[in-house]
Amino acid sequence: MKKLIYTLLIIIALTSNSFSAGTSSDNDSSSKVSDFTKAKNLVKAAKKYEKKGKIEKAQKRYAKAQKLLLKSNKKKPLQADTLNYLGFTTRKLGDYEKGEEFYLQGLQIEPNHNGINEYLGELYMVTNRMDLAKERLEVLKSCGCKEYKQLKEIIEGTKKSKY
């Protein structure tokens, strides 16, 4: 009987906490998930679909993420991480020129941004600009990061870029 009572008390406590989390006013943005975070989650989902060969589903997620990132960029302009994801989603949707613009804007803000340097290097590989891809790799050389390894593998041909 004690176990049942404790179980009920825990359920009630958990239920009341979940309801109370949603009762803050609309002006309190701390409880809301940002457009950037939503977009980041959509990109993660899109990558998983892409790995499974479900390209159409991936493309839908990239397109939704891109819209949220554009909104986020309007609210908080010139954030390197936002520009990185904007470049990534735009590139994944096939607009390499605009994707490159976003990456370059991000590098103006944060020249050593690992993600931007890797993804821009990948874009350069896909658009047959090996010298520029190697420049991005050189920037990453001293970071000892996964981005360096991944771009290096793509440049050496041991790993293929999806695009």
Foldseek 3Di string as FASTA:
>chain_A
DVVVVVVVVVVVVVVVVVVVLPPDDPVPCPSPDALQNQLVVLQVVLVVCVVVVNNVSSLVSLVSSLVSLVVVCVVPNQDLVSLLSNLVSCVSNPNNPVSLVSLVSSCVVPVLPLSSLLVNLLSCVVVVNLVSSVVSLVSCVPVPDVSNVVSVCCSVVVDPDPD
